[in-house]
Protein backbone atom coordinates (compact mmCIF):
# COMPACT_ATOMS: atom_id res chain seq x y z
CA MET A 1 0.00 0.00 0.00
CA LYS A 2 2.82 2.43 0.86
CA LYS A 3 4.45 1.71 -2.50
CA ILE A 4 1.15 2.39 -4.33
CA LEU A 5 0.65 5.62 -2.41
CA GLY A 6 4.21 6.62 -3.24
CA ILE A 7 3.64 6.02 -6.95
CA LEU A 8 0.37 7.98 -6.87
CA LEU A 9 2.09 10.84 -5.08
CA ALA A 10 4.91 10.88 -7.62
CA LEU A 11 2.42 10.88 -10.51
CA THR A 12 0.49 13.71 -8.86
CA MET A 13 3.69 15.71 -8.58
CA VAL A 14 4.52 15.08 -12.22
CA PHE A 15 0.99 16.09 -13.31
CA ALA A 16 1.17 19.30 -11.28
CA MET A 17 4.61 20.07 -12.66
CA VAL A 18 3.46 19.46 -16.23
CA CYS A 19 0.49 21.80 -15.77
CA THR A 20 2.72 24.49 -14.25
CA ALA A 21 5.23 24.28 -17.08
CA PHE A 22 2.49 24.48 -19.69
CA ALA A 23 0.93 27.51 -18.02
CA GLU A 24 4.18 29.44 -17.69
CA GLY A 25 5.21 29.02 -21.31
CA GLY A 26 8.95 28.63 -20.78
CA SER A 27 11.22 26.51 -22.94
CA VAL A 28 14.18 24.17 -22.43
CA TYR A 29 17.49 23.98 -24.28
CA TRP A 30 19.48 20.95 -23.11
CA LEU A 31 23.14 20.86 -24.17
CA ASN A 32 23.72 17.14 -23.68
CA PHE A 33 27.14 15.88 -22.55
CA LYS A 34 26.77 12.18 -23.40
CA PRO A 35 26.68 11.23 -27.11
CA GLU A 36 25.33 7.77 -26.28
CA LEU A 37 22.27 9.38 -24.70
CA ASP A 38 21.41 11.50 -27.74
CA GLU A 39 18.81 9.24 -29.36
CA ASP A 40 16.94 8.66 -26.10
CA ALA A 41 17.27 12.32 -25.09
CA GLN A 42 15.71 13.45 -28.36
CA ALA A 43 12.85 11.00 -27.91
CA LEU A 44 12.23 12.06 -24.32
CA ALA A 45 12.25 15.72 -25.31
CA ALA A 46 9.68 15.07 -28.02
CA LYS A 47 7.51 13.08 -25.62
CA TYR A 48 7.60 15.85 -23.02
CA THR A 49 6.75 18.52 -25.57
CA GLU A 50 3.84 16.45 -26.87
CA ALA A 51 2.48 16.03 -23.34
CA THR A 52 3.00 19.59 -22.13
CA GLY A 53 3.42 21.87 -25.09
CA VAL A 54 6.74 23.06 -23.60
CA PRO A 55 9.45 23.21 -26.30
CA VAL A 56 12.51 21.13 -25.44
CA LYS A 57 15.54 21.34 -27.72
CA VAL A 58 18.40 18.88 -27.30
CA ILE A 59 21.81 19.49 -28.83
CA THR A 60 24.47 16.86 -28.20
CA ALA A 61 28.13 17.83 -28.32
CA ALA A 62 30.47 15.52 -30.19
CA SER A 63 32.64 13.31 -28.01
CA GLY A 64 35.53 15.27 -26.53
CA SER A 65 34.19 18.64 -27.66
CA TYR A 66 31.74 19.55 -24.91
CA ASN A 67 33.65 22.48 -23.43
CA GLN A 68 34.24 24.00 -26.85
CA THR A 69 30.57 23.58 -27.74
CA LEU A 70 29.51 25.05 -24.41
CA ASN A 71 31.75 28.09 -24.96
CA ASN A 72 30.21 28.63 -28.38
CA GLU A 73 26.60 28.16 -27.28
CA MET A 74 26.75 30.21 -24.07
CA GLY A 75 27.89 33.21 -26.07
CA LYS A 76 24.73 33.21 -28.18
CA SER A 77 21.26 34.52 -27.53
CA GLY A 78 18.99 31.63 -26.61
CA ALA A 79 21.86 29.92 -24.76
CA PRO A 80 21.40 26.49 -23.16
CA THR A 81 19.15 26.49 -20.11
CA LEU A 82 20.48 23.07 -19.07
CA PHE A 83 24.15 22.16 -19.33
CA VAL A 84 26.88 20.17 -17.59
CA ILE A 85 29.41 21.32 -14.99
CA GLY A 86 31.11 18.06 -14.16
CA ASN A 87 34.21 18.71 -12.06
CA VAL A 88 36.00 21.23 -9.87
CA ASP A 89 37.64 22.88 -12.86
CA GLY A 90 34.20 23.28 -14.42
CA VAL A 91 32.90 24.86 -11.22
CA LYS A 92 35.69 27.44 -11.36
CA GLU A 93 35.05 28.20 -15.03
CA TRP A 94 31.26 28.02 -15.20
CA GLY A 95 30.00 28.28 -11.62
CA ASP A 96 29.03 31.93 -12.01
CA PHE A 97 26.78 30.98 -14.92
CA ALA A 98 24.92 28.38 -12.86
CA MET A 99 21.78 28.90 -10.83
CA ASP A 100 22.04 27.96 -7.15
CA LEU A 101 20.15 24.67 -6.92
CA THR A 102 19.98 24.66 -3.12
CA GLY A 103 16.46 23.79 -1.98
CA THR A 104 15.10 23.43 -5.53
CA ALA A 105 12.72 20.74 -6.68
CA ILE A 106 15.43 18.73 -8.46
CA ALA A 107 17.74 18.96 -5.44
CA GLU A 108 14.98 17.48 -3.28
CA GLU A 109 14.77 14.47 -5.62
CA ARG A 110 18.37 13.36 -4.95
CA SER A 111 18.99 10.14 -3.07
CA THR A 112 22.55 11.18 -2.14
CA ASP A 113 24.71 14.28 -1.95
CA ALA A 114 27.80 12.36 -3.06
CA TYR A 115 27.64 13.54 -6.66
CA THR A 116 26.75 17.21 -6.08
CA LEU A 117 29.23 20.00 -6.84
CA TYR A 118 29.50 23.20 -4.79
CA ASP A 119 31.61 26.31 -5.20
CA ASP A 120 33.79 27.81 -2.47
CA SER A 121 30.85 29.81 -1.09
CA GLY A 122 28.71 26.69 -0.67
CA LYS A 123 26.50 27.39 -3.68
CA MET A 124 25.06 24.20 -5.17
CA VAL A 125 26.34 24.53 -8.72
CA SER A 126 25.40 21.20 -10.32
CA ILE A 127 23.80 17.86 -9.51
CA GLY A 128 25.09 14.47 -10.66
CA TYR A 129 22.46 12.74 -12.77
CA CYS A 130 24.27 9.44 -13.23
CA PHE A 131 27.46 7.87 -12.04
CA GLU A 132 29.79 5.20 -13.28
CA CYS A 133 32.24 2.81 -11.71
CA TYR A 134 35.41 1.14 -12.83
CA GLY A 135 37.85 -1.42 -11.51
CA ILE A 136 39.20 -4.85 -12.43
CA VAL A 137 36.67 -7.00 -14.25
CA VAL A 138 36.97 -10.70 -13.44
CA ASN A 139 35.85 -13.91 -15.13
CA PRO A 140 35.04 -16.11 -12.08
CA ASP A 141 34.91 -19.25 -14.23
CA ASN A 142 38.56 -18.83 -15.22
CA VAL A 143 39.52 -18.22 -11.59
CA GLU A 144 37.84 -21.48 -10.61
CA LYS A 145 39.28 -23.44 -13.56
CA ALA A 146 42.73 -22.31 -12.44
CA GLY A 147 42.11 -23.88 -9.02
CA HIS A 148 41.43 -20.64 -7.17
CA SER A 149 38.49 -18.91 -5.55
CA MET A 150 37.05 -15.40 -5.75
CA ASP A 151 37.46 -15.34 -1.95
CA GLU A 152 41.21 -14.95 -2.53
CA LEU A 153 40.73 -11.65 -4.37
CA VAL A 154 40.41 -9.36 -1.37
CA ASN A 155 43.77 -7.54 -1.50
CA PHE A 156 46.86 -7.15 -3.68
CA ALA A 157 48.61 -10.19 -2.24
CA GLY A 158 45.69 -12.42 -3.19
CA LEU A 159 45.31 -10.87 -6.65
CA LYS A 160 49.04 -11.21 -7.30
CA ALA A 161 49.11 -14.87 -6.28
CA VAL A 162 46.16 -15.77 -8.51
CA ALA A 163 47.32 -13.72 -11.51
CA GLU A 164 50.89 -14.98 -11.43
CA ASP A 165 49.75 -18.60 -11.11
CA ILE A 166 47.37 -18.26 -14.06
CA HIS A 167 50.04 -16.61 -16.21
CA ALA A 168 52.63 -19.27 -15.33
CA ASN A 169 50.21 -22.00 -16.39
CA ALA A 170 48.54 -20.19 -19.30
CA ALA A 171 49.64 -22.73 -21.91
CA THR A 172 48.05 -25.58 -19.94
CA LEU A 173 44.94 -23.66 -18.88
CA GLY A 174 44.21 -22.22 -22.30
CA PHE A 175 43.81 -18.69 -20.95
CA ASP A 176 45.98 -16.02 -19.38
CA ALA A 177 45.66 -13.55 -16.52
CA PHE A 178 45.36 -9.98 -17.84
CA ALA A 179 44.00 -8.61 -21.09
CA SER A 180 46.23 -6.49 -23.34
CA ALA A 181 46.98 -3.07 -21.86
CA ASP A 182 47.43 -1.20 -25.15
CA MET A 183 48.83 2.32 -24.91
CA ASP A 184 47.34 3.74 -28.11
CA GLY A 185 44.65 6.42 -27.90
CA SER A 186 41.77 3.94 -27.80
CA SER A 187 42.99 2.31 -24.60
CA SER A 188 45.68 4.33 -22.79
CA TRP A 189 43.12 6.33 -20.80
CA ARG A 190 42.50 3.18 -18.74
CA PHE A 191 46.01 3.43 -17.30
CA THR A 192 46.88 7.14 -17.51
CA GLY A 193 43.46 8.20 -16.21
CA HIS A 194 41.59 5.45 -14.41
CA LEU A 195 44.46 3.42 -12.99
CA ALA A 196 46.37 6.59 -12.14
CA ASN A 197 43.42 7.62 -9.99
CA LEU A 198 44.36 5.12 -7.31
CA GLU A 199 47.49 7.17 -6.52
CA TYR A 200 45.53 10.42 -6.41
CA PHE A 201 42.78 8.89 -4.31
CA TYR A 202 45.06 7.58 -1.59
CA GLU A 203 47.13 10.78 -1.56
CA LYS A 204 43.94 12.83 -1.28
CA LYS A 205 42.66 10.52 1.47
CA ALA A 206 45.89 10.89 3.45
CA ASP A 207 46.38 14.62 2.96
CA GLY A 208 42.76 15.79 3.02
CA TRP A 209 42.58 17.60 -0.33
CA THR A 210 39.48 19.73 -0.79
CA GLY A 211 40.16 20.56 -4.43
CA MET A 212 42.74 19.95 -7.14
CA PRO A 213 46.21 20.45 -5.58
CA ALA A 214 48.97 22.39 -7.30
CA SER A 215 51.35 19.46 -6.88
CA LEU A 216 51.57 15.78 -5.92
CA THR A 217 53.89 14.09 -3.47
CA GLY A 218 53.76 10.77 -5.33
CA ALA A 219 53.47 8.99 -1.98
CA TYR A 220 51.50 6.13 -3.56
CA MET A 221 53.44 5.78 -6.82
CA GLU A 222 54.78 2.42 -5.62
CA ASN A 223 51.21 1.17 -5.31
CA TYR A 224 50.43 2.31 -8.85
CA LYS A 225 53.58 0.50 -9.97
CA ASN A 226 52.54 -2.67 -8.10
CA LEU A 227 49.33 -3.02 -10.07
CA TYR A 228 50.72 -1.78 -13.39
CA ASP A 229 53.64 -4.22 -13.25
CA LEU A 230 51.37 -7.09 -12.27
CA MET A 231 49.13 -6.33 -15.25
CA ILE A 232 51.73 -5.94 -18.00
CA ASN A 233 53.94 -8.82 -16.83
CA ASN A 234 51.11 -11.36 -16.47
CA SER A 235 49.29 -10.59 -19.68
CA ILE A 236 48.36 -12.30 -22.91
CA THR A 237 50.52 -9.69 -24.69
CA ASP A 238 54.21 -8.97 -24.19
CA PRO A 239 54.64 -5.47 -22.72
CA LYS A 240 57.04 -4.54 -25.54
CA GLU A 241 54.08 -4.83 -27.94
CA LEU A 242 51.72 -2.44 -26.15
CA ALA A 243 52.85 0.94 -27.50
CA THR A 244 51.17 0.81 -30.90
CA GLY A 245 48.01 -1.01 -29.84
CA GLY A 246 46.10 -3.25 -32.21
CA HIS A 247 44.90 -5.75 -29.60
CA ASP A 248 41.23 -6.15 -28.72
CA ALA A 249 41.21 -6.47 -24.94
CA ALA A 250 37.41 -6.67 -24.75
CA ALA A 251 37.35 -9.55 -27.23
CA GLU A 252 40.12 -11.32 -25.33
CA PHE A 253 37.96 -11.18 -22.22
CA LYS A 254 34.66 -12.08 -23.88
CA GLU A 255 36.24 -15.08 -25.62
CA GLY A 256 37.58 -16.40 -22.31
CA LYS A 257 41.22 -15.91 -23.30
CA VAL A 258 41.96 -13.78 -20.22
CA THR A 259 40.72 -13.55 -16.65
CA PHE A 260 41.17 -9.88 -15.73
CA TYR A 261 40.36 -6.72 -17.68
CA PHE A 262 40.45 -3.05 -16.67
CA THR A 263 37.20 -1.32 -17.61
CA GLY A 264 34.00 0.13 -16.18
CA SER A 265 30.23 -0.02 -15.86
CA TRP A 266 29.71 1.26 -19.42
CA ASP A 267 30.92 -2.13 -20.73
CA TYR A 268 28.70 -4.29 -18.53
CA ALA A 269 26.02 -5.29 -21.05
CA ASP A 270 28.57 -6.21 -23.72
CA LEU A 271 30.74 -8.28 -21.37
CA ALA A 272 27.84 -9.94 -19.52
CA ALA A 273 26.41 -11.20 -22.81
CA ALA A 274 29.54 -13.35 -23.17
CA VAL A 275 30.40 -13.94 -19.49
CA PRO A 276 27.07 -13.89 -17.61
CA ASN A 277 28.60 -14.07 -14.13
CA VAL A 278 31.21 -11.40 -14.80
CA THR A 279 32.05 -9.32 -11.74
CA MET A 280 34.26 -6.40 -10.73
CA ILE A 281 36.80 -6.02 -7.93
CA PRO A 282 38.64 -2.91 -6.68
CA TYR A 283 42.08 -1.68 -7.69
CA TYR A 284 44.02 -3.67 -5.12
CA CYS A 285 47.55 -2.28 -5.04
CA GLY A 286 49.09 -3.04 -1.65
CA VAL A 287 47.82 -0.10 0.40
CA GLU A 288 47.35 -0.90 4.07
CA GLY A 289 43.71 -1.66 4.89
CA GLU A 290 42.70 -2.09 1.24
CA GLU A 291 40.51 -5.04 2.20
CA LYS A 292 37.94 -2.31 2.90
CA ALA A 293 38.36 -0.70 -0.53
CA GLY A 294 35.39 -0.40 -2.87
CA LEU A 295 35.19 0.41 -6.55
CA ASN A 296 36.13 3.66 -8.23
CA CYS A 297 32.84 5.54 -8.46
CA GLY A 298 32.14 9.02 -9.69
CA THR A 299 30.77 11.17 -12.44
CA GLU A 300 31.42 14.16 -14.62
CA ASN A 301 27.76 14.15 -15.60
CA CYS A 302 26.22 16.91 -13.48
CA TRP A 303 23.27 19.09 -14.50
CA ALA A 304 23.44 22.86 -14.08
CA ILE A 305 20.71 25.39 -14.91
CA ASN A 306 21.69 28.64 -16.60
CA ALA A 307 21.49 31.49 -14.08
CA ASP A 308 21.02 34.00 -16.89
CA ALA A 309 18.00 32.27 -18.42
CA SER A 310 14.59 33.87 -17.98
CA GLU A 311 12.60 32.89 -14.92
CA GLU A 312 10.12 31.11 -17.20
CA ASP A 313 12.89 29.08 -18.84
CA LYS A 314 14.49 28.25 -15.50
CA GLN A 315 11.16 26.94 -14.22
CA ALA A 316 10.50 25.00 -17.42
CA THR A 317 13.96 23.43 -17.18
CA MET A 318 13.47 22.56 -13.53
CA ASP A 319 10.12 20.96 -14.29
CA PHE A 320 11.62 18.97 -17.15
CA LEU A 321 14.34 17.58 -14.89
CA VAL A 322 11.86 16.58 -12.22
CA TRP A 323 9.84 14.80 -14.89
CA LEU A 324 12.91 12.95 -16.19
CA VAL A 325 13.60 11.41 -12.76
CA ASN A 326 9.99 10.85 -11.64
CA ASP A 327 7.99 9.78 -14.67
CA PRO A 328 8.24 5.95 -14.65
CA ASP A 329 8.77 5.63 -18.39
CA ALA A 330 11.21 8.54 -18.70
CA ALA A 331 13.22 7.45 -15.68
CA GLY A 332 13.27 3.90 -17.03
CA VAL A 333 14.73 5.09 -20.31
CA MET A 334 17.39 7.12 -18.49
CA VAL A 335 18.38 4.17 -16.27
CA ASN A 336 18.52 1.77 -19.21
CA ASN A 337 20.87 4.13 -21.02
CA LEU A 338 22.98 5.50 -18.17
CA GLY A 339 23.03 2.57 -15.75
CA ILE A 340 22.09 4.25 -12.51
CA LEU A 341 20.58 7.59 -11.46
CA PRO A 342 21.00 8.89 -7.88
CA PHE A 343 17.38 9.98 -7.44
CA LYS A 344 14.66 8.69 -5.13
CA ASN A 345 12.03 7.46 -7.58
CA VAL A 346 14.04 5.94 -10.44
CA PRO A 347 13.98 2.20 -11.20
CA ASP A 348 16.75 -0.04 -9.93
CA SER A 349 19.72 -0.50 -12.24
CA THR A 350 20.26 -3.79 -14.03
CA ASN A 351 23.98 -3.04 -14.43
CA GLY A 352 25.88 -5.73 -12.55
CA PHE A 353 29.05 -3.67 -12.06
CA LEU A 354 27.06 -0.89 -10.43
CA ALA A 355 25.42 -3.56 -8.27
CA ASP A 356 28.94 -4.70 -7.31
CA ALA A 357 29.78 -1.11 -6.35
CA ALA A 358 26.69 -0.97 -4.15
CA LYS A 359 27.59 -4.26 -2.46
CA TYR A 360 31.01 -2.96 -1.48
CA THR A 361 29.48 0.26 -0.16
CA ASP A 362 26.78 -1.63 1.74
CA ALA A 363 29.52 -3.73 3.35
CA GLY A 364 31.12 -0.56 4.72
CA CYS A 365 33.90 -0.28 2.13
CA TYR A 366 35.15 3.15 1.12
CA VAL A 367 34.42 4.47 -2.37
CA MET A 368 37.49 5.38 -4.42
CA ASP A 369 36.15 8.62 -5.81
CA TRP A 370 37.54 10.34 -8.88
CA VAL A 371 40.15 13.07 -8.95
CA SER A 372 40.32 15.40 -11.97
CA GLN A 373 43.68 15.82 -13.73
CA PRO A 374 45.10 19.22 -14.75
CA ASN A 375 45.33 20.04 -18.47
CA VAL A 376 44.31 16.45 -18.99
CA ASP A 377 45.30 15.79 -22.62
CA ALA A 378 48.85 17.11 -22.26
CA TYR A 379 49.30 15.43 -18.88
CA ARG A 380 48.22 12.02 -20.15
CA ALA A 381 50.24 12.30 -23.38
CA ALA A 382 53.45 12.74 -21.37
CA LEU A 383 52.53 9.79 -19.17
CA VAL A 384 51.84 7.59 -22.22
CA SER A 385 55.27 8.40 -23.62
CA ALA A 386 56.99 7.53 -20.35
CA LEU A 387 55.02 4.31 -19.85
CA ASN A 388 55.87 3.20 -23.39
CA GLN A 389 59.59 3.56 -22.61
CA TYR A 390 59.10 1.63 -19.39
CA CYS A 391 57.19 -1.19 -21.08
CA ALA A 392 60.01 -1.54 -23.61
CA ASP A 393 62.64 -1.69 -20.87
CA GLN A 394 61.54 -2.00 -17.24
CA SER A 395 64.61 -0.34 -15.74
CA ASP A 396 64.73 1.88 -12.68
CA ALA A 397 65.78 4.76 -14.92
CA ASN A 398 62.72 4.36 -17.10
CA TRP A 399 60.44 4.10 -14.10
CA GLU A 400 61.89 7.41 -12.96
CA LEU A 401 60.63 8.87 -16.27
CA VAL A 402 57.16 7.58 -15.38
CA ARG A 403 57.40 9.09 -11.91
CA ALA A 404 58.50 12.42 -13.35
CA ALA A 405 55.65 12.48 -15.88
CA PHE A 406 53.18 11.47 -13.21
CA VAL A 407 54.28 13.72 -10.34
CA ASP A 408 56.35 16.55 -11.80
CA GLY A 409 54.10 16.66 -14.86
CA TRP A 410 51.11 17.35 -12.62
CA ALA A 411 52.72 20.55 -11.28
CA VAL A 412 53.70 21.64 -14.79
CA GLN A 413 50.21 21.13 -16.21
CA TYR A 414 48.53 22.66 -13.16
CA ALA A 415 50.65 25.79 -13.62
CA ALA A 416 49.85 25.84 -17.34
CA GLY A 417 46.15 25.78 -16.53
CA GLN A 418 46.48 28.85 -14.32
CA GLU A 419 48.07 30.98 -17.05
């Protein structure tokens, strides 16, 4: 009965919101951040307009071009009423253009504050509308065939023992430990962005960062090295062959040729179709107490409403957002596309990796949240170059090049971003 009453209340709210939006005559211009959402976003916009008469325009920026598109569009008349401010750098650049969402209808719909961005004054700048997770994807069947158990994979020591045993016996088993860790542009972000985050996370956790620091200490570089070395030296592909790419790591995993693969929740449906019981474990790297680590979870998908829009357009945009996360059909479409939405009335996710993330959190494990990198493209390019030299020759001197690109390069790119 409570569930039925809750649904009726939600539908009443949506009906009232729709009537309000129709009466006020505002319009919505959504500058969409996620290309993969475009088709569904266009359909939802059309459905909302048909139901309410409120015009909703959706423009989707090409992958990797959102900030450029946002700069272009915000300088025009009829600028976006709904856009994305997804990280602390975005808050600094665009926070003044964002309406304070504190106490608003969409803020009240959140199920958590974990994915909300604030400026230094405490203004609620943007609200996370979906989040993702990443870690080490595991084929449990291969683990069992190798004579091991998933119960062993609770820290770096256990992961190392299993991976090295599988790699040593790969010829007999018919599969290896890790998938190819290619360093070309289609794959290197997994190691220069995602894997690198473990160092930032633990440094942030120890030093209490509140924003992007001007420099790193590199205190957890050895932990990054632990996991990187384990991966490249217990892989289906020789590390000397990683620089130019050309290997299909996803296919290696789906075909059962490897046991471990570094990826995230966006790949769940594709991988689960081939390995139905696929699961994800954290980035175990030898940090003390990592048995209580969870998955890397975060988002750069955070809605902001244009502070300079008319009051009618602000209200229309607010009403549209509330509809997206309350209407059962609309919310269902959003969840199916994005995996999980942190709002009270959305359907449960069917994404198994996000379910894994929730299990770790429910068990009291800490979330390894994301840290933004400075001047990201230049920073990662330098790290790719250094890692390629290291993979070709794993000497101490070449690891020092990696450390320099990782740590010293952060300070260089941070300074460049302040100019």
